[in-house]
Amino acid sequence: MTVSLKHKIIDVCDKKIAQKGDAVGVSFYAFFKNKNDNPELLMEAATWWIKTHKLDHFEKAVKIKKLVEHL
């Protein structure tokens, strides 16, 4: 996982947790705009989420943050 994606995921998770609490869920789409302006980065996130970790569509933001922090 690239450093920029790692930082982006942690940042988004921190913001979501601060807004909605520890129970908030996210999908890998949460880290991107509604526009597909960076398909390579989107595929990197999708591959990490789906193929590498076999995560459900929505997961707790705290879980994702912990996974990414330990990379």
PDB file of N, CA and C in Angstrom:
ATOM      1  N   MET A   1       0.847  -1.166   0.000  1.00  0.00           N
ATOM      2  CA  MET A   1       0.000   0.000   0.000  1.00  0.00           C
ATOM      3  C   MET A   1       0.901   1.239   0.000  1.00  0.00           C
ATOM      4  N   THR A   2       0.560   2.183  -0.870  1.00  0.00           N
ATOM      5  CA  THR A   2       1.356   3.406  -0.935  1.00  0.00           C
ATOM      6  C   THR A   2       1.156   4.238   0.325  1.00  0.00           C
ATOM      7  N   VAL A   3       2.156   5.029   0.640  1.00  0.00           N
ATOM      8  CA  VAL A   3       2.100   5.889   1.819  1.00  0.00           C
ATOM      9  C   VAL A   3       0.947   6.888   1.699  1.00  0.00           C
ATOM     10  N   SER A   4       0.728   7.417   0.503  1.00  0.00           N
ATOM     11  CA  SER A   4      -0.346   8.403   0.324  1.00  0.00           C
ATOM     12  C   SER A   4      -1.719   7.787   0.585  1.00  0.00           C
ATOM     13  N   LEU A   5      -1.939   6.548   0.137  1.00  0.00           N
ATOM     14  CA  LEU A   5      -3.214   5.886   0.396  1.00  0.00           C
ATOM     15  C   LEU A   5      -3.366   5.577   1.882  1.00  0.00           C
ATOM     16  N   LYS A   6      -2.303   5.127   2.504  1.00  0.00           N
ATOM     17  CA  LYS A   6      -2.326   4.832   3.934  1.00  0.00           C
ATOM     18  C   LYS A   6      -2.738   6.082   4.724  1.00  0.00           C
ATOM     19  N   HIS A   7      -2.114   7.211   4.434  1.00  0.00           N
ATOM     20  CA  HIS A   7      -2.443   8.459   5.130  1.00  0.00           C
ATOM     21  C   HIS A   7      -3.881   8.894   4.855  1.00  0.00           C
ATOM     22  N   LYS A   8      -4.311   8.723   3.633  1.00  0.00           N
ATOM     23  CA  LYS A   8      -5.675   9.097   3.258  1.00  0.00           C
ATOM     24  C   LYS A   8      -6.695   8.258   4.035  1.00  0.00           C
ATOM     25  N   ILE A   9      -6.477   6.960   4.126  1.00  0.00           N
ATOM     26  CA  ILE A   9      -7.391   6.073   4.841  1.00  0.00           C
ATOM     27  C   ILE A   9      -7.455   6.439   6.319  1.00  0.00           C
ATOM     28  N   ILE A  10      -6.301   6.650   6.935  1.00  0.00           N
ATOM     29  CA  ILE A  10      -6.269   7.018   8.351  1.00  0.00           C
ATOM     30  C   ILE A  10      -6.974   8.339   8.582  1.00  0.00           C
ATOM     31  N   ASP A  11      -6.734   9.303   7.718  1.00  0.00           N
ATOM     32  CA  ASP A  11      -7.357  10.625   7.844  1.00  0.00           C
ATOM     33  C   ASP A  11      -8.882  10.542   7.741  1.00  0.00           C
ATOM     34  N   VAL A  12      -9.365   9.817   6.740  1.00  0.00           N
ATOM     35  CA  VAL A  12     -10.818   9.666   6.547  1.00  0.00           C
ATOM     36  C   VAL A  12     -11.436   8.925   7.733  1.00  0.00           C
ATOM     37  N   CYS A  13     -10.798   7.871   8.186  1.00  0.00           N
ATOM     38  CA  CYS A  13     -11.318   7.120   9.339  1.00  0.00           C
ATOM     39  C   CYS A  13     -11.366   8.007  10.578  1.00  0.00           C
ATOM     40  N   ASP A  14     -10.308   8.786  10.817  1.00  0.00           N
ATOM     41  CA  ASP A  14     -10.293   9.700  11.965  1.00  0.00           C
ATOM     42  C   ASP A  14     -11.453  10.683  11.907  1.00  0.00           C
ATOM     43  N   LYS A  15     -11.693  11.246  10.732  1.00  0.00           N
ATOM     44  CA  LYS A  15     -12.789  12.217  10.573  1.00  0.00           C
ATOM     45  C   LYS A  15     -14.149  11.561  10.793  1.00  0.00           C
ATOM     46  N   LYS A  16     -14.350  10.388  10.221  1.00  0.00           N
ATOM     47  CA  LYS A  16     -15.630   9.685  10.380  1.00  0.00           C
ATOM     48  C   LYS A  16     -15.868   9.314  11.847  1.00  0.00           C
ATOM     49  N   ILE A  17     -14.835   8.820  12.521  1.00  0.00           N
ATOM     50  CA  ILE A  17     -14.950   8.448  13.931  1.00  0.00           C
ATOM     51  C   ILE A  17     -15.264   9.676  14.776  1.00  0.00           C
ATOM     52  N   ALA A  18     -14.590  10.792  14.498  1.00  0.00           N
ATOM     53  CA  ALA A  18     -14.835  12.028  15.250  1.00  0.00           C
ATOM     54  C   ALA A  18     -16.264  12.524  15.048  1.00  0.00           C
ATOM     55  N   GLN A  19     -16.799  12.374  13.839  1.00  0.00           N
ATOM     56  CA  GLN A  19     -18.152  12.847  13.525  1.00  0.00           C
ATOM     57  C   GLN A  19     -19.234  11.928  14.068  1.00  0.00           C
ATOM     58  N   LYS A  20     -19.026  10.611  13.959  1.00  0.00           N
ATOM     59  CA  LYS A  20     -20.123   9.676  14.226  1.00  0.00           C
ATOM     60  C   LYS A  20     -19.830   8.629  15.294  1.00  0.00           C
ATOM     61  N   GLY A  21     -18.636   8.627  15.855  1.00  0.00           N
ATOM     62  CA  GLY A  21     -18.309   7.688  16.920  1.00  0.00           C
ATOM     63  C   GLY A  21     -17.659   6.407  16.431  1.00  0.00           C
ATOM     64  N   ASP A  22     -17.270   5.572  17.393  1.00  0.00           N
ATOM     65  CA  ASP A  22     -16.528   4.343  17.111  1.00  0.00           C
ATOM     66  C   ASP A  22     -17.302   3.295  16.313  1.00  0.00           C
ATOM     67  N   ALA A  23     -18.608   3.408  16.278  1.00  0.00           N
ATOM     68  CA  ALA A  23     -19.424   2.396  15.584  1.00  0.00           C
ATOM     69  C   ALA A  23     -19.610   2.699  14.095  1.00  0.00           C
ATOM     70  N   VAL A  24     -19.071   3.808  13.613  1.00  0.00           N
ATOM     71  CA  VAL A  24     -19.278   4.193  12.215  1.00  0.00           C
ATOM     72  C   VAL A  24     -18.600   3.199  11.275  1.00  0.00           C
ATOM     73  N   GLY A  25     -19.297   2.877  10.199  1.00  0.00           N
ATOM     74  CA  GLY A  25     -18.762   1.980   9.189  1.00  0.00           C
ATOM     75  C   GLY A  25     -18.291   2.743   7.959  1.00  0.00           C
ATOM     76  N   VAL A  26     -17.367   2.151   7.232  1.00  0.00           N
ATOM     77  CA  VAL A  26     -16.877   2.730   5.980  1.00  0.00           C
ATOM     78  C   VAL A  26     -16.723   1.614   4.950  1.00  0.00           C
ATOM     79  N   SER A  27     -16.729   2.005   3.689  1.00  0.00           N
ATOM     80  CA  SER A  27     -16.351   1.102   2.610  1.00  0.00           C
ATOM     81  C   SER A  27     -15.122   1.718   1.953  1.00  0.00           C
ATOM     82  N   PHE A  28     -14.465   0.983   1.081  1.00  0.00           N
ATOM     83  CA  PHE A  28     -13.268   1.553   0.460  1.00  0.00           C
ATOM     84  C   PHE A  28     -13.606   2.749  -0.422  1.00  0.00           C
ATOM     85  N   TYR A  29     -14.858   2.879  -0.812  1.00  0.00           N
ATOM     86  CA  TYR A  29     -15.277   4.043  -1.590  1.00  0.00           C
ATOM     87  C   TYR A  29     -15.226   5.327  -0.781  1.00  0.00           C
ATOM     88  N   ALA A  30     -15.234   5.230   0.547  1.00  0.00           N
ATOM     89  CA  ALA A  30     -15.216   6.410   1.413  1.00  0.00           C
ATOM     90  C   ALA A  30     -13.943   7.234   1.229  1.00  0.00           C
ATOM     91  N   PHE A  31     -12.913   6.637   0.666  1.00  0.00           N
ATOM     92  CA  PHE A  31     -11.635   7.310   0.532  1.00  0.00           C
ATOM     93  C   PHE A  31     -11.477   8.032  -0.806  1.00  0.00           C
ATOM     94  N   PHE A  32     -12.561   8.062  -1.577  1.00  0.00           N
ATOM     95  CA  PHE A  32     -12.516   8.658  -2.907  1.00  0.00           C
ATOM     96  C   PHE A  32     -13.725   9.542  -3.145  1.00  0.00           C
ATOM     97  N   LYS A  33     -13.561  10.486  -4.054  1.00  0.00           N
ATOM     98  CA  LYS A  33     -14.677  11.325  -4.474  1.00  0.00           C
ATOM     99  C   LYS A  33     -15.635  10.465  -5.292  1.00  0.00           C
ATOM    100  N   ASN A  34     -16.831  10.961  -5.520  1.00  0.00           N
ATOM    101  CA  ASN A  34     -17.808  10.218  -6.312  1.00  0.00           C
ATOM    102  C   ASN A  34     -17.385  10.087  -7.768  1.00  0.00           C
ATOM    103  N   LYS A  35     -16.320  10.744  -8.124  1.00  0.00           N
ATOM    104  CA  LYS A  35     -15.784  10.725  -9.465  1.00  0.00           C
ATOM    105  C   LYS A  35     -14.562   9.816  -9.492  1.00  0.00           C
ATOM    106  N   ASN A  36     -14.429   9.022 -10.496  1.00  0.00           N
ATOM    107  CA  ASN A  36     -13.282   8.131 -10.611  1.00  0.00           C
ATOM    108  C   ASN A  36     -12.120   8.877 -11.256  1.00  0.00           C
ATOM    109  N   ASP A  37     -11.481   9.749 -10.463  1.00  0.00           N
ATOM    110  CA  ASP A  37     -10.401  10.572 -11.011  1.00  0.00           C
ATOM    111  C   ASP A  37      -9.007   9.970 -10.785  1.00  0.00           C
ATOM    112  N   ASN A  38      -8.940   8.843 -10.070  1.00  0.00           N
ATOM    113  CA  ASN A  38      -7.655   8.178  -9.857  1.00  0.00           C
ATOM    114  C   ASN A  38      -7.887   6.661  -9.827  1.00  0.00           C
ATOM    115  N   PRO A  39      -8.111   6.054 -10.986  1.00  0.00           N
ATOM    116  CA  PRO A  39      -8.455   4.629 -11.028  1.00  0.00           C
ATOM    117  C   PRO A  39      -7.369   3.718 -10.449  1.00  0.00           C
ATOM    118  N   GLU A  40      -6.099   4.083 -10.581  1.00  0.00           N
ATOM    119  CA  GLU A  40      -5.033   3.242 -10.046  1.00  0.00           C
ATOM    120  C   GLU A  40      -5.109   3.165  -8.520  1.00  0.00           C
ATOM    121  N   LEU A  41      -5.332   4.313  -7.880  1.00  0.00           N
ATOM    122  CA  LEU A  41      -5.430   4.347  -6.425  1.00  0.00           C
ATOM    123  C   LEU A  41      -6.692   3.632  -5.946  1.00  0.00           C
ATOM    124  N   LEU A  42      -7.787   3.800  -6.680  1.00  0.00           N
ATOM    125  CA  LEU A  42      -9.029   3.105  -6.345  1.00  0.00           C
ATOM    126  C   LEU A  42      -8.831   1.590  -6.420  1.00  0.00           C
ATOM    127  N   MET A  43      -8.158   1.112  -7.448  1.00  0.00           N
ATOM    128  CA  MET A  43      -7.911  -0.321  -7.593  1.00  0.00           C
ATOM    129  C   MET A  43      -6.971  -0.837  -6.506  1.00  0.00           C
ATOM    130  N   GLU A  44      -6.016  -0.015  -6.122  1.00  0.00           N
ATOM    131  CA  GLU A  44      -5.115  -0.404  -5.033  1.00  0.00           C
ATOM    132  C   GLU A  44      -5.910  -0.602  -3.737  1.00  0.00           C
ATOM    133  N   ALA A  45      -6.803   0.341  -3.440  1.00  0.00           N
ATOM    134  CA  ALA A  45      -7.634   0.232  -2.235  1.00  0.00           C
ATOM    135  C   ALA A  45      -8.570  -0.963  -2.330  1.00  0.00           C
ATOM    136  N   ALA A  46      -9.184  -1.158  -3.477  1.00  0.00           N
ATOM    137  CA  ALA A  46     -10.119  -2.268  -3.663  1.00  0.00           C
ATOM    138  C   ALA A  46      -9.403  -3.613  -3.522  1.00  0.00           C
ATOM    139  N   THR A  47      -8.233  -3.727  -4.091  1.00  0.00           N
ATOM    140  CA  THR A  47      -7.459  -4.963  -4.003  1.00  0.00           C
ATOM    141  C   THR A  47      -7.078  -5.250  -2.556  1.00  0.00           C
ATOM    142  N   TRP A  48      -6.605  -4.236  -1.851  1.00  0.00           N
ATOM    143  CA  TRP A  48      -6.233  -4.398  -0.445  1.00  0.00           C
ATOM    144  C   TRP A  48      -7.450  -4.823   0.376  1.00  0.00           C
ATOM    145  N   TRP A  49      -8.586  -4.161   0.126  1.00  0.00           N
ATOM    146  CA  TRP A  49      -9.817  -4.396   0.892  1.00  0.00           C
ATOM    147  C   TRP A  49     -10.423  -5.768   0.584  1.00  0.00           C
ATOM    148  N   ILE A  50     -10.584  -6.071  -0.702  1.00  0.00           N
ATOM    149  CA  ILE A  50     -11.333  -7.260  -1.125  1.00  0.00           C
ATOM    150  C   ILE A  50     -10.451  -8.503  -1.232  1.00  0.00           C
ATOM    151  N   LYS A  51      -9.360  -8.411  -1.963  1.00  0.00           N
ATOM    152  CA  LYS A  51      -8.534  -9.597  -2.208  1.00  0.00           C
ATOM    153  C   LYS A  51      -7.598  -9.921  -1.049  1.00  0.00           C
ATOM    154  N   THR A  52      -6.936  -8.903  -0.529  1.00  0.00           N
ATOM    155  CA  THR A  52      -5.945  -9.146   0.511  1.00  0.00           C
ATOM    156  C   THR A  52      -6.582  -9.504   1.847  1.00  0.00           C
ATOM    157  N   HIS A  53      -7.586  -8.709   2.266  1.00  0.00           N
ATOM    158  CA  HIS A  53      -8.163  -8.892   3.605  1.00  0.00           C
ATOM    159  C   HIS A  53      -9.556  -9.511   3.605  1.00  0.00           C
ATOM    160  N   LYS A  54     -10.147  -9.673   2.413  1.00  0.00           N
ATOM    161  CA  LYS A  54     -11.480 -10.288   2.294  1.00  0.00           C
ATOM    162  C   LYS A  54     -12.505  -9.649   3.239  1.00  0.00           C
ATOM    163  N   LEU A  55     -12.495  -8.313   3.240  1.00  0.00           N
ATOM    164  CA  LEU A  55     -13.388  -7.558   4.111  1.00  0.00           C
ATOM    165  C   LEU A  55     -14.779  -7.447   3.508  1.00  0.00           C
ATOM    166  N   ASP A  56     -15.785  -7.279   4.359  1.00  0.00           N
ATOM    167  CA  ASP A  56     -17.142  -7.019   3.907  1.00  0.00           C
ATOM    168  C   ASP A  56     -17.200  -5.641   3.267  1.00  0.00           C
ATOM    169  N   HIS A  57     -18.312  -5.362   2.575  1.00  0.00           N
ATOM    170  CA  HIS A  57     -18.449  -4.066   1.916  1.00  0.00           C
ATOM    171  C   HIS A  57     -18.298  -2.925   2.923  1.00  0.00           C
ATOM    172  N   PHE A  58     -18.970  -3.019   4.071  1.00  0.00           N
ATOM    173  CA  PHE A  58     -18.832  -2.025   5.128  1.00  0.00           C
ATOM    174  C   PHE A  58     -18.146  -2.660   6.322  1.00  0.00           C
ATOM    175  N   GLU A  59     -17.173  -1.954   6.854  1.00  0.00           N
ATOM    176  CA  GLU A  59     -16.445  -2.377   8.053  1.00  0.00           C
ATOM    177  C   GLU A  59     -16.352  -1.180   8.994  1.00  0.00           C
ATOM    178  N   LYS A  60     -16.119  -1.444  10.256  1.00  0.00           N
ATOM    179  CA  LYS A  60     -15.953  -0.367  11.231  1.00  0.00           C
ATOM    180  C   LYS A  60     -14.690   0.423  10.887  1.00  0.00           C
ATOM    181  N   ALA A  61     -14.807   1.733  10.963  1.00  0.00           N
ATOM    182  CA  ALA A  61     -13.667   2.605  10.664  1.00  0.00           C
ATOM    183  C   ALA A  61     -12.501   2.334  11.609  1.00  0.00           C
ATOM    184  N   VAL A  62     -12.800   2.026  12.882  1.00  0.00           N
ATOM    185  CA  VAL A  62     -11.719   1.751  13.834  1.00  0.00           C
ATOM    186  C   VAL A  62     -10.940   0.491  13.423  1.00  0.00           C
ATOM    187  N   LYS A  63     -11.625  -0.501  12.884  1.00  0.00           N
ATOM    188  CA  LYS A  63     -10.974  -1.730  12.428  1.00  0.00           C
ATOM    189  C   LYS A  63     -10.050  -1.444  11.248  1.00  0.00           C
ATOM    190  N   ILE A  64     -10.555  -0.673  10.281  1.00  0.00           N
ATOM    191  CA  ILE A  64      -9.761  -0.345   9.096  1.00  0.00           C
ATOM    192  C   ILE A  64      -8.542   0.470   9.490  1.00  0.00           C
ATOM    193  N   LYS A  65      -8.752   1.444  10.358  1.00  0.00           N
ATOM    194  CA  LYS A  65      -7.629   2.291  10.803  1.00  0.00           C
ATOM    195  C   LYS A  65      -6.544   1.430  11.457  1.00  0.00           C
ATOM    196  N   LYS A  66      -6.924   0.497  12.316  1.00  0.00           N
ATOM    197  CA  LYS A  66      -5.942  -0.368  12.977  1.00  0.00           C
ATOM    198  C   LYS A  66      -5.193  -1.230  11.961  1.00  0.00           C
ATOM    199  N   LEU A  67      -5.912  -1.777  10.987  1.00  0.00           N
ATOM    200  CA  LEU A  67      -5.261  -2.592   9.952  1.00  0.00           C
ATOM    201  C   LEU A  67      -4.217  -1.777   9.192  1.00  0.00           C
ATOM    202  N   VAL A  68      -4.586  -0.559   8.827  1.00  0.00           N
ATOM    203  CA  VAL A  68      -3.688   0.288   8.033  1.00  0.00           C
ATOM    204  C   VAL A  68      -2.515   0.771   8.858  1.00  0.00           C
ATOM    205  N   GLU A  69      -2.750   1.098  10.111  1.00  0.00           N
ATOM    206  CA  GLU A  69      -1.657   1.586  10.964  1.00  0.00           C
ATOM    207  C   GLU A  69      -0.570   0.524  11.180  1.00  0.00           C
ATOM    208  N   HIS A  70      -0.932  -0.727  11.082  1.00  0.00           N
ATOM    209  CA  HIS A  70       0.036  -1.798  11.317  1.00  0.00           C
ATOM    210  C   HIS A  70       0.721  -2.297  10.039  1.00  0.00           C
ATOM    211  N   LEU A  71       0.594  -1.542   8.969  1.00  0.00           N
ATOM    212  CA  LEU A  71       1.283  -1.909   7.716  1.00  0.00           C
ATOM    213  C   LEU A  71       2.722  -1.442   7.745  1.00  0.00           C
TER     214      LEU A  71
END
